[in-house]
Amino acid sequence: MGKTLPSRFWKKINGLPIGLANNVKLKNDVEKDAPVCWSDVDLDINCPVVKIREKIKLS
């Protein structure tokens, strides 16, 4: 279950946005109730939404 926390927290830990967390494949084990980070999932880098989010993440 996702948690609502300030965006500065998610940026600090490189957290995966909840909108990108649907139907993704985990690369790493994630403990129960622990945040899921970009590095924990295997995302399709050719997906338009992922491309847009990467640009936002860099700014």
C-alpha atoms as a PDB file:
ATOM      1  CA  MET A   1       0.000   0.000   0.000  1.00  0.00           C
ATOM      2  CA  GLY A   2       1.427   3.392  -0.977  1.00  0.00           C
ATOM      3  CA  LYS A   3       2.092   6.184   1.466  1.00  0.00           C
ATOM      4  CA  THR A   4       1.547   9.872   0.939  1.00  0.00           C
ATOM      5  CA  LEU A   5       4.627  11.802   1.973  1.00  0.00           C
ATOM      6  CA  PRO A   6       6.133  15.107   0.836  1.00  0.00           C
ATOM      7  CA  SER A   7       7.794  15.022  -2.582  1.00  0.00           C
ATOM      8  CA  ARG A   8      11.106  16.137  -1.076  1.00  0.00           C
ATOM      9  CA  PHE A   9      11.206  12.831   0.842  1.00  0.00           C
ATOM     10  CA  TRP A  10      10.650  10.786  -2.322  1.00  0.00           C
ATOM     11  CA  LYS A  11      13.239  12.813  -4.232  1.00  0.00           C
ATOM     12  CA  LYS A  12      15.765  12.273  -1.451  1.00  0.00           C
ATOM     13  CA  ILE A  13      15.416   8.477  -1.578  1.00  0.00           C
ATOM     14  CA  ASN A  14      14.845   8.328  -5.361  1.00  0.00           C
ATOM     15  CA  GLY A  15      11.421   6.818  -4.745  1.00  0.00           C
ATOM     16  CA  LEU A  16       9.296   5.420  -7.540  1.00  0.00           C
ATOM     17  CA  PRO A  17       6.153   7.501  -8.183  1.00  0.00           C
ATOM     18  CA  ILE A  18       3.018   5.545  -7.381  1.00  0.00           C
ATOM     19  CA  GLY A  19       1.720   6.232 -10.884  1.00  0.00           C
ATOM     20  CA  LEU A  20       4.572   4.150 -12.324  1.00  0.00           C
ATOM     21  CA  ALA A  21       4.279   1.321  -9.804  1.00  0.00           C
ATOM     22  CA  ASN A  22       1.495  -0.586 -11.568  1.00  0.00           C
ATOM     23  CA  ASN A  23       2.492  -3.828 -13.297  1.00  0.00           C
ATOM     24  CA  VAL A  24       6.235  -3.335 -12.859  1.00  0.00           C
ATOM     25  CA  LYS A  25       8.676  -6.155 -12.281  1.00  0.00           C
ATOM     26  CA  LEU A  26      10.785  -5.983  -9.132  1.00  0.00           C
ATOM     27  CA  LYS A  27      14.538  -6.450  -9.572  1.00  0.00           C
ATOM     28  CA  ASN A  28      15.297  -6.369  -5.855  1.00  0.00           C
ATOM     29  CA  ASP A  29      13.535  -7.667  -2.776  1.00  0.00           C
ATOM     30  CA  VAL A  30      11.712  -4.866  -0.966  1.00  0.00           C
ATOM     31  CA  GLU A  31      10.823  -5.263   2.682  1.00  0.00           C
ATOM     32  CA  LYS A  32       7.193  -4.984   3.699  1.00  0.00           C
ATOM     33  CA  ASP A  33       6.141  -1.326   4.113  1.00  0.00           C
ATOM     34  CA  ALA A  34       9.496  -0.110   2.732  1.00  0.00           C
ATOM     35  CA  PRO A  35       9.508   2.458  -0.078  1.00  0.00           C
ATOM     36  CA  VAL A  36      10.111   1.220  -3.617  1.00  0.00           C
ATOM     37  CA  CYS A  37      12.873   3.076  -5.439  1.00  0.00           C
ATOM     38  CA  TRP A  38      13.635   3.463  -9.139  1.00  0.00           C
ATOM     39  CA  SER A  39      16.526   1.030  -8.735  1.00  0.00           C
ATOM     40  CA  ASP A  40      14.176  -1.662  -7.364  1.00  0.00           C
ATOM     41  CA  VAL A  41      12.123  -2.040 -10.539  1.00  0.00           C
ATOM     42  CA  ASP A  42      12.609  -2.924 -14.159  1.00  0.00           C
ATOM     43  CA  LEU A  43      10.856  -0.230 -16.198  1.00  0.00           C
ATOM     44  CA  ASP A  44      10.409  -0.062 -19.957  1.00  0.00           C
ATOM     45  CA  ILE A  45      12.622   2.916 -20.825  1.00  0.00           C
ATOM     46  CA  ASN A  46      10.819   3.237 -24.170  1.00  0.00           C
ATOM     47  CA  CYS A  47       7.473   3.894 -22.475  1.00  0.00           C
ATOM     48  CA  PRO A  48       6.480   7.547 -23.063  1.00  0.00           C
ATOM     49  CA  VAL A  49       5.412   8.015 -19.432  1.00  0.00           C
ATOM     50  CA  VAL A  50       8.762   6.742 -18.159  1.00  0.00           C
ATOM     51  CA  LYS A  51      10.617   9.066 -20.554  1.00  0.00           C
ATOM     52  CA  ILE A  52       8.635  12.082 -19.361  1.00  0.00           C
ATOM     53  CA  ARG A  53       9.133  11.162 -15.709  1.00  0.00           C
ATOM     54  CA  GLU A  54      12.882  10.773 -16.226  1.00  0.00           C
ATOM     55  CA  LYS A  55      13.029  14.302 -17.646  1.00  0.00           C
ATOM     56  CA  ILE A  56      11.096  15.613 -14.642  1.00  0.00           C
ATOM     57  CA  LYS A  57      13.352  13.707 -12.265  1.00  0.00           C
ATOM     58  CA  LEU A  58      16.426  15.363 -13.739  1.00  0.00           C
ATOM     59  CA  SER A  59      15.098  18.886 -13.235  1.00  0.00           C
END
